[in-house]
Amino acid sequence: MNATEHMKQRMAQRGINREMVNLVLDFGTPKQDKFILSRDEAQEQLRELQQAMRVLKKILDKGGVTVVTEGDALITTYNCNSRRH
């Protein structure tokens, strides 16, 4: 979406940057013609991202993880550094 001049002015006045706007659009709750990311919703998103970071660090420790699928079936999984594919 393109920001109007009005939007750019209000962002500057209120200390709201484009990254914040993008997060509200991604994670906020749509209500009619607006998106709202409340303090509680932001806190929940932060908890979920922190959990994802913990899992990603474990994946990094393993050198990456591969999951083999066929259709909807999960066939096998292995550490990327354990095989050369």
PDB file of N, CA and C in Angstrom:
ATOM      1  N   MET A   1       0.840  -1.181   0.000  1.00  0.00           N
ATOM      2  CA  MET A   1       0.000   0.000   0.000  1.00  0.00           C
ATOM      3  C   MET A   1       0.883   1.242   0.000  1.00  0.00           C
ATOM      4  N   ASN A   2       0.375   2.264  -0.635  1.00  0.00           N
ATOM      5  CA  ASN A   2       1.094   3.531  -0.685  1.00  0.00           C
ATOM      6  C   ASN A   2       0.568   4.472   0.387  1.00  0.00           C
ATOM      7  N   ALA A   3       1.488   5.108   1.105  1.00  0.00           N
ATOM      8  CA  ALA A   3       1.102   6.061   2.147  1.00  0.00           C
ATOM      9  C   ALA A   3       0.800   7.413   1.513  1.00  0.00           C
ATOM     10  N   THR A   4      -0.303   8.015   1.921  1.00  0.00           N
ATOM     11  CA  THR A   4      -0.646   9.360   1.451  1.00  0.00           C
ATOM     12  C   THR A   4       0.235  10.376   2.173  1.00  0.00           C
ATOM     13  N   GLU A   5       0.239  11.589   1.683  1.00  0.00           N
ATOM     14  CA  GLU A   5       0.986  12.660   2.350  1.00  0.00           C
ATOM     15  C   GLU A   5       0.457  12.871   3.766  1.00  0.00           C
ATOM     16  N   HIS A   6      -0.864  12.799   3.916  1.00  0.00           N
ATOM     17  CA  HIS A   6      -1.470  12.927   5.246  1.00  0.00           C
ATOM     18  C   HIS A   6      -0.904  11.863   6.192  1.00  0.00           C
ATOM     19  N   MET A   7      -0.848  10.619   5.703  1.00  0.00           N
ATOM     20  CA  MET A   7      -0.316   9.508   6.508  1.00  0.00           C
ATOM     21  C   MET A   7       1.139   9.773   6.878  1.00  0.00           C
ATOM     22  N   LYS A   8       1.939  10.203   5.929  1.00  0.00           N
ATOM     23  CA  LYS A   8       3.359  10.469   6.195  1.00  0.00           C
ATOM     24  C   LYS A   8       3.526  11.554   7.253  1.00  0.00           C
ATOM     25  N   GLN A   9       2.701  12.595   7.180  1.00  0.00           N
ATOM     26  CA  GLN A   9       2.768  13.672   8.172  1.00  0.00           C
ATOM     27  C   GLN A   9       2.402  13.157   9.559  1.00  0.00           C
ATOM     28  N   ARG A  10       1.328  12.374   9.652  1.00  0.00           N
ATOM     29  CA  ARG A  10       0.888  11.856  10.946  1.00  0.00           C
ATOM     30  C   ARG A  10       1.916  10.883  11.527  1.00  0.00           C
ATOM     31  N   MET A  11       2.524  10.071  10.668  1.00  0.00           N
ATOM     32  CA  MET A  11       3.568   9.157  11.134  1.00  0.00           C
ATOM     33  C   MET A  11       4.716   9.951  11.751  1.00  0.00           C
ATOM     34  N   ALA A  12       5.136  11.013  11.075  1.00  0.00           N
ATOM     35  CA  ALA A  12       6.240  11.842  11.573  1.00  0.00           C
ATOM     36  C   ALA A  12       5.869  12.513  12.893  1.00  0.00           C
ATOM     37  N   GLN A  13       4.662  13.036  12.979  1.00  0.00           N
ATOM     38  CA  GLN A  13       4.212  13.725  14.195  1.00  0.00           C
ATOM     39  C   GLN A  13       4.109  12.786  15.391  1.00  0.00           C
ATOM     40  N   ARG A  14       3.732  11.526  15.124  1.00  0.00           N
ATOM     41  CA  ARG A  14       3.410  10.591  16.208  1.00  0.00           C
ATOM     42  C   ARG A  14       4.512   9.570  16.479  1.00  0.00           C
ATOM     43  N   GLY A  15       5.627   9.679  15.772  1.00  0.00           N
ATOM     44  CA  GLY A  15       6.734   8.758  15.999  1.00  0.00           C
ATOM     45  C   GLY A  15       6.434   7.330  15.590  1.00  0.00           C
ATOM     46  N   ILE A  16       5.651   7.176  14.545  1.00  0.00           N
ATOM     47  CA  ILE A  16       5.293   5.853  14.028  1.00  0.00           C
ATOM     48  C   ILE A  16       6.019   5.670  12.704  1.00  0.00           C
ATOM     49  N   ASN A  17       6.873   4.618  12.627  1.00  0.00           N
ATOM     50  CA  ASN A  17       7.621   4.406  11.387  1.00  0.00           C
ATOM     51  C   ASN A  17       6.952   3.345  10.504  1.00  0.00           C
ATOM     52  N   ARG A  18       7.490   3.170   9.312  1.00  0.00           N
ATOM     53  CA  ARG A  18       6.891   2.259   8.327  1.00  0.00           C
ATOM     54  C   ARG A  18       6.916   0.806   8.812  1.00  0.00           C
ATOM     55  N   GLU A  19       7.972   0.433   9.521  1.00  0.00           N
ATOM     56  CA  GLU A  19       8.036  -0.933  10.041  1.00  0.00           C
ATOM     57  C   GLU A  19       6.896  -1.201  11.019  1.00  0.00           C
ATOM     58  N   MET A  20       6.575  -0.210  11.844  1.00  0.00           N
ATOM     59  CA  MET A  20       5.463  -0.355  12.785  1.00  0.00           C
ATOM     60  C   MET A  20       4.148  -0.500  12.027  1.00  0.00           C
ATOM     61  N   VAL A  21       3.965   0.314  11.010  1.00  0.00           N
ATOM     62  CA  VAL A  21       2.746   0.243  10.192  1.00  0.00           C
ATOM     63  C   VAL A  21       2.629  -1.144   9.561  1.00  0.00           C
ATOM     64  N   ASN A  22       3.739  -1.661   9.026  1.00  0.00           N
ATOM     65  CA  ASN A  22       3.715  -2.977   8.390  1.00  0.00           C
ATOM     66  C   ASN A  22       3.347  -4.077   9.384  1.00  0.00           C
ATOM     67  N   LEU A  23       3.861  -3.985  10.614  1.00  0.00           N
ATOM     68  CA  LEU A  23       3.507  -4.982  11.631  1.00  0.00           C
ATOM     69  C   LEU A  23       2.029  -4.911  11.989  1.00  0.00           C
ATOM     70  N   VAL A  24       1.486  -3.705  12.085  1.00  0.00           N
ATOM     71  CA  VAL A  24       0.051  -3.565  12.364  1.00  0.00           C
ATOM     72  C   VAL A  24      -0.760  -4.181  11.229  1.00  0.00           C
ATOM     73  N   LEU A  25      -0.347  -3.944   9.992  1.00  0.00           N
ATOM     74  CA  LEU A  25      -1.061  -4.521   8.849  1.00  0.00           C
ATOM     75  C   LEU A  25      -0.940  -6.043   8.832  1.00  0.00           C
ATOM     76  N   ASP A  26       0.227  -6.573   9.230  1.00  0.00           N
ATOM     77  CA  ASP A  26       0.446  -8.022   9.225  1.00  0.00           C
ATOM     78  C   ASP A  26      -0.253  -8.735  10.379  1.00  0.00           C
ATOM     79  N   PHE A  27      -0.212  -8.150  11.577  1.00  0.00           N
ATOM     80  CA  PHE A  27      -0.672  -8.854  12.773  1.00  0.00           C
ATOM     81  C   PHE A  27      -1.901  -8.251  13.433  1.00  0.00           C
ATOM     82  N   GLY A  28      -2.309  -7.086  12.994  1.00  0.00           N
ATOM     83  CA  GLY A  28      -3.445  -6.409  13.617  1.00  0.00           C
ATOM     84  C   GLY A  28      -4.781  -7.036  13.247  1.00  0.00           C
ATOM     85  N   THR A  29      -5.794  -6.629  13.977  1.00  0.00           N
ATOM     86  CA  THR A  29      -7.154  -7.099  13.743  1.00  0.00           C
ATOM     87  C   THR A  29      -7.877  -6.109  12.836  1.00  0.00           C
ATOM     88  N   PRO A  30      -8.378  -6.586  11.672  1.00  0.00           N
ATOM     89  CA  PRO A  30      -9.116  -5.667  10.797  1.00  0.00           C
ATOM     90  C   PRO A  30     -10.483  -5.337  11.392  1.00  0.00           C
ATOM     91  N   LYS A  31     -10.820  -4.065  11.404  1.00  0.00           N
ATOM     92  CA  LYS A  31     -12.141  -3.603  11.857  1.00  0.00           C
ATOM     93  C   LYS A  31     -12.596  -2.537  10.876  1.00  0.00           C
ATOM     94  N   GLN A  32     -13.542  -2.899  10.044  1.00  0.00           N
ATOM     95  CA  GLN A  32     -14.063  -2.034   8.987  1.00  0.00           C
ATOM     96  C   GLN A  32     -12.916  -1.538   8.113  1.00  0.00           C
ATOM     97  N   ASP A  33     -12.589  -0.248   8.183  1.00  0.00           N
ATOM     98  CA  ASP A  33     -11.580   0.321   7.288  1.00  0.00           C
ATOM     99  C   ASP A  33     -10.233   0.536   7.969  1.00  0.00           C
ATOM    100  N   LYS A  34      -9.965  -0.183   9.081  1.00  0.00           N
ATOM    101  CA  LYS A  34      -8.704   0.009   9.796  1.00  0.00           C
ATOM    102  C   LYS A  34      -8.192  -1.306  10.364  1.00  0.00           C
ATOM    103  N   PHE A  35      -6.927  -1.308  10.751  1.00  0.00           N
ATOM    104  CA  PHE A  35      -6.293  -2.432  11.421  1.00  0.00           C
ATOM    105  C   PHE A  35      -5.845  -1.939  12.787  1.00  0.00           C
ATOM    106  N   ILE A  36      -6.069  -2.762  13.821  1.00  0.00           N
ATOM    107  CA  ILE A  36      -5.704  -2.378  15.181  1.00  0.00           C
ATOM    108  C   ILE A  36      -4.801  -3.459  15.768  1.00  0.00           C
ATOM    109  N   LEU A  37      -3.648  -3.046  16.280  1.00  0.00           N
ATOM    110  CA  LEU A  37      -2.768  -3.948  17.013  1.00  0.00           C
ATOM    111  C   LEU A  37      -2.650  -3.382  18.423  1.00  0.00           C
ATOM    112  N   SER A  38      -3.441  -3.947  19.325  1.00  0.00           N
ATOM    113  CA  SER A  38      -3.488  -3.448  20.701  1.00  0.00           C
ATOM    114  C   SER A  38      -2.218  -3.839  21.450  1.00  0.00           C
ATOM    115  N   ARG A  39      -2.065  -3.273  22.619  1.00  0.00           N
ATOM    116  CA  ARG A  39      -0.926  -3.604  23.478  1.00  0.00           C
ATOM    117  C   ARG A  39      -0.912  -5.105  23.786  1.00  0.00           C
ATOM    118  N   ASP A  40      -2.062  -5.669  24.130  1.00  0.00           N
ATOM    119  CA  ASP A  40      -2.148  -7.101  24.440  1.00  0.00           C
ATOM    120  C   ASP A  40      -1.809  -7.958  23.224  1.00  0.00           C
ATOM    121  N   GLU A  41      -2.318  -7.567  22.057  1.00  0.00           N
ATOM    122  CA  GLU A  41      -2.020  -8.315  20.830  1.00  0.00           C
ATOM    123  C   GLU A  41      -0.538  -8.216  20.489  1.00  0.00           C
ATOM    124  N   ALA A  42       0.052  -7.048  20.676  1.00  0.00           N
ATOM    125  CA  ALA A  42       1.481  -6.875  20.414  1.00  0.00           C
ATOM    126  C   ALA A  42       2.298  -7.749  21.358  1.00  0.00           C
ATOM    127  N   GLN A  43       1.887  -7.816  22.629  1.00  0.00           N
ATOM    128  CA  GLN A  43       2.589  -8.654  23.607  1.00  0.00           C
ATOM    129  C   GLN A  43       2.500 -10.123  23.219  1.00  0.00           C
ATOM    130  N   GLU A  44       1.346 -10.570  22.756  1.00  0.00           N
ATOM    131  CA  GLU A  44       1.177 -11.962  22.323  1.00  0.00           C
ATOM    132  C   GLU A  44       2.052 -12.254  21.105  1.00  0.00           C
ATOM    133  N   GLN A  45       2.091 -11.346  20.151  1.00  0.00           N
ATOM    134  CA  GLN A  45       2.953 -11.527  18.978  1.00  0.00           C
ATOM    135  C   GLN A  45       4.415 -11.610  19.396  1.00  0.00           C
ATOM    136  N   LEU A  46       4.813 -10.785  20.353  1.00  0.00           N
ATOM    137  CA  LEU A  46       6.186 -10.806  20.841  1.00  0.00           C
ATOM    138  C   LEU A  46       6.511 -12.154  21.478  1.00  0.00           C
ATOM    139  N   ARG A  47       5.596 -12.696  22.282  1.00  0.00           N
ATOM    140  CA  ARG A  47       5.807 -14.021  22.887  1.00  0.00           C
ATOM    141  C   ARG A  47       5.971 -15.088  21.807  1.00  0.00           C
ATOM    142  N   GLU A  48       5.129 -15.029  20.785  1.00  0.00           N
ATOM    143  CA  GLU A  48       5.204 -16.021  19.703  1.00  0.00           C
ATOM    144  C   GLU A  48       6.517 -15.898  18.936  1.00  0.00           C
ATOM    145  N   LEU A  49       6.963 -14.673  18.687  1.00  0.00           N
ATOM    146  CA  LEU A  49       8.232 -14.470  17.986  1.00  0.00           C
ATOM    147  C   LEU A  49       9.416 -14.939  18.828  1.00  0.00           C
ATOM    148  N   GLN A  50       9.357 -14.721  20.141  1.00  0.00           N
ATOM    149  CA  GLN A  50      10.429 -15.194  21.020  1.00  0.00           C
ATOM    150  C   GLN A  50      10.497 -16.717  21.009  1.00  0.00           C
ATOM    151  N   GLN A  51       9.338 -17.384  20.995  1.00  0.00           N
ATOM    152  CA  GLN A  51       9.309 -18.842  20.911  1.00  0.00           C
ATOM    153  C   GLN A  51       9.877 -19.299  19.574  1.00  0.00           C
ATOM    154  N   ALA A  52       9.506 -18.633  18.498  1.00  0.00           N
ATOM    155  CA  ALA A  52      10.037 -18.981  17.176  1.00  0.00           C
ATOM    156  C   ALA A  52      11.553 -18.794  17.146  1.00  0.00           C
ATOM    157  N   MET A  53      12.060 -17.747  17.798  1.00  0.00           N
ATOM    158  CA  MET A  53      13.507 -17.522  17.850  1.00  0.00           C
ATOM    159  C   MET A  53      14.210 -18.658  18.589  1.00  0.00           C
ATOM    160  N   ARG A  54      13.622 -19.151  19.678  1.00  0.00           N
ATOM    161  CA  ARG A  54      14.220 -20.274  20.407  1.00  0.00           C
ATOM    162  C   ARG A  54      14.310 -21.512  19.510  1.00  0.00           C
ATOM    163  N   VAL A  55      13.247 -21.784  18.771  1.00  0.00           N
ATOM    164  CA  VAL A  55      13.231 -22.946  17.883  1.00  0.00           C
ATOM    165  C   VAL A  55      14.235 -22.757  16.748  1.00  0.00           C
ATOM    166  N   LEU A  56      14.294 -21.554  16.179  1.00  0.00           N
ATOM    167  CA  LEU A  56      15.245 -21.290  15.098  1.00  0.00           C
ATOM    168  C   LEU A  56      16.688 -21.442  15.566  1.00  0.00           C
ATOM    169  N   LYS A  57      16.987 -21.066  16.794  1.00  0.00           N
ATOM    170  CA  LYS A  57      18.340 -21.247  17.337  1.00  0.00           C
ATOM    171  C   LYS A  57      18.683 -22.728  17.435  1.00  0.00           C
ATOM    172  N   LYS A  58      17.716 -23.556  17.818  1.00  0.00           N
ATOM    173  CA  LYS A  58      17.944 -25.001  17.866  1.00  0.00           C
ATOM    174  C   LYS A  58      18.215 -25.547  16.466  1.00  0.00           C
ATOM    175  N   ILE A  59      17.468 -25.040  15.480  1.00  0.00           N
ATOM    176  CA  ILE A  59      17.679 -25.464  14.096  1.00  0.00           C
ATOM    177  C   ILE A  59      19.067 -25.049  13.630  1.00  0.00           C
ATOM    178  N   LEU A  60      19.499 -23.841  13.981  1.00  0.00           N
ATOM    179  CA  LEU A  60      20.852 -23.389  13.642  1.00  0.00           C
ATOM    180  C   LEU A  60      21.900 -24.306  14.254  1.00  0.00           C
ATOM    181  N   ASP A  61      21.703 -24.703  15.512  1.00  0.00           N
ATOM    182  CA  ASP A  61      22.646 -25.595  16.190  1.00  0.00           C
ATOM    183  C   ASP A  61      22.785 -26.925  15.466  1.00  0.00           C
ATOM    184  N   LYS A  62      21.741 -27.343  14.777  1.00  0.00           N
ATOM    185  CA  LYS A  62      21.771 -28.599  14.038  1.00  0.00           C
ATOM    186  C   LYS A  62      22.291 -28.417  12.615  1.00  0.00           C
ATOM    187  N   GLY A  63      22.632 -27.195  12.237  1.00  0.00           N
ATOM    188  CA  GLY A  63      23.100 -26.934  10.881  1.00  0.00           C
ATOM    189  C   GLY A  63      21.973 -26.887   9.879  1.00  0.00           C
ATOM    190  N   GLY A  64      20.753 -26.717  10.358  1.00  0.00           N
ATOM    191  CA  GLY A  64      19.565 -26.727   9.509  1.00  0.00           C
ATOM    192  C   GLY A  64      18.841 -28.053   9.668  1.00  0.00           C
ATOM    193  N   VAL A  65      17.601 -28.090   9.252  1.00  0.00           N
ATOM    194  CA  VAL A  65      16.787 -29.302   9.343  1.00  0.00           C
ATOM    195  C   VAL A  65      16.060 -29.483   8.018  1.00  0.00           C
ATOM    196  N   THR A  66      16.020 -30.710   7.542  1.00  0.00           N
ATOM    197  CA  THR A  66      15.293 -31.055   6.323  1.00  0.00           C
ATOM    198  C   THR A  66      14.090 -31.909   6.698  1.00  0.00           C
ATOM    199  N   VAL A  67      12.950 -31.643   6.066  1.00  0.00           N
ATOM    200  CA  VAL A  67      11.748 -32.460   6.242  1.00  0.00           C
ATOM    201  C   VAL A  67      11.337 -32.954   4.863  1.00  0.00           C
ATOM    202  N   VAL A  68      11.210 -34.265   4.718  1.00  0.00           N
ATOM    203  CA  VAL A  68      10.814 -34.872   3.451  1.00  0.00           C
ATOM    204  C   VAL A  68       9.315 -35.151   3.504  1.00  0.00           C
ATOM    205  N   THR A  69       8.603 -34.728   2.455  1.00  0.00           N
ATOM    206  CA  THR A  69       7.153 -34.911   2.396  1.00  0.00           C
ATOM    207  C   THR A  69       6.753 -35.626   1.118  1.00  0.00           C
ATOM    208  N   GLU A  70       5.561 -36.176   1.155  1.00  0.00           N
ATOM    209  CA  GLU A  70       4.919 -36.695  -0.053  1.00  0.00           C
ATOM    210  C   GLU A  70       3.439 -36.410   0.110  1.00  0.00           C
ATOM    211  N   GLY A  71       2.928 -35.505  -0.707  1.00  0.00           N
ATOM    212  CA  GLY A  71       1.551 -35.072  -0.534  1.00  0.00           C
ATOM    213  C   GLY A  71       1.399 -34.420   0.832  1.00  0.00           C
ATOM    214  N   ASP A  72       0.441 -34.921   1.625  1.00  0.00           N
ATOM    215  CA  ASP A  72       0.228 -34.403   2.974  1.00  0.00           C
ATOM    216  C   ASP A  72       1.008 -35.181   4.033  1.00  0.00           C
ATOM    217  N   ALA A  73       1.728 -36.230   3.620  1.00  0.00           N
ATOM    218  CA  ALA A  73       2.444 -37.082   4.576  1.00  0.00           C
ATOM    219  C   ALA A  73       3.844 -36.546   4.854  1.00  0.00           C
ATOM    220  N   LEU A  74       4.219 -36.539   6.138  1.00  0.00           N
ATOM    221  CA  LEU A  74       5.584 -36.213   6.550  1.00  0.00           C
ATOM    222  C   LEU A  74       6.351 -37.529   6.602  1.00  0.00           C
ATOM    223  N   ILE A  75       7.322 -37.711   5.701  1.00  0.00           N
ATOM    224  CA  ILE A  75       8.008 -38.990   5.543  1.00  0.00           C
ATOM    225  C   ILE A  75       9.160 -39.153   6.529  1.00  0.00           C
ATOM    226  N   THR A  76      10.088 -38.191   6.558  1.00  0.00           N
ATOM    227  CA  THR A  76      11.237 -38.278   7.462  1.00  0.00           C
ATOM    228  C   THR A  76      11.820 -36.888   7.670  1.00  0.00           C
ATOM    229  N   THR A  77      12.746 -36.800   8.597  1.00  0.00           N
ATOM    230  CA  THR A  77      13.438 -35.543   8.861  1.00  0.00           C
ATOM    231  C   THR A  77      14.864 -35.838   9.293  1.00  0.00           C
ATOM    232  N   TYR A  78      15.779 -34.912   9.000  1.00  0.00           N
ATOM    233  CA  TYR A  78      17.166 -35.081   9.425  1.00  0.00           C
ATOM    234  C   TYR A  78      17.869 -33.731   9.483  1.00  0.00           C
ATOM    235  N   ASN A  79      18.982 -33.726  10.230  1.00  0.00           N
ATOM    236  CA  ASN A  79      19.808 -32.526  10.319  1.00  0.00           C
ATOM    237  C   ASN A  79      20.516 -32.310   8.991  1.00  0.00           C
ATOM    238  N   CYS A  80      20.581 -31.095   8.530  1.00  0.00           N
ATOM    239  CA  CYS A  80      21.234 -30.806   7.251  1.00  0.00           C
ATOM    240  C   CYS A  80      22.715 -31.154   7.272  1.00  0.00           C
ATOM    241  N   ASN A  81      23.382 -30.988   8.402  1.00  0.00           N
ATOM    242  CA  ASN A  81      24.812 -31.273   8.436  1.00  0.00           C
ATOM    243  C   ASN A  81      25.106 -32.764   8.578  1.00  0.00           C
ATOM    244  N   SER A  82      24.070 -33.606   8.700  1.00  0.00           N
ATOM    245  CA  SER A  82      24.302 -35.044   8.837  1.00  0.00           C
ATOM    246  C   SER A  82      24.368 -35.747   7.487  1.00  0.00           C
ATOM    247  N   ARG A  83      23.916 -35.088   6.427  1.00  0.00           N
ATOM    248  CA  ARG A  83      23.932 -35.668   5.084  1.00  0.00           C
ATOM    249  C   ARG A  83      24.276 -34.589   4.082  1.00  0.00           C
ATOM    250  N   ARG A  84      24.743 -34.989   2.962  1.00  0.00           N
ATOM    251  CA  ARG A  84      25.001 -34.027   1.890  1.00  0.00           C
ATOM    252  C   ARG A  84      23.961 -34.236   0.798  1.00  0.00           C
ATOM    253  N   HIS A  85      23.010 -33.297   0.705  1.00  0.00           N
ATOM    254  CA  HIS A  85      21.937 -33.377  -0.305  1.00  0.00           C
ATOM    255  C   HIS A  85      21.906 -32.113  -1.092  1.00  0.00           C
TER     256      HIS A  85
END
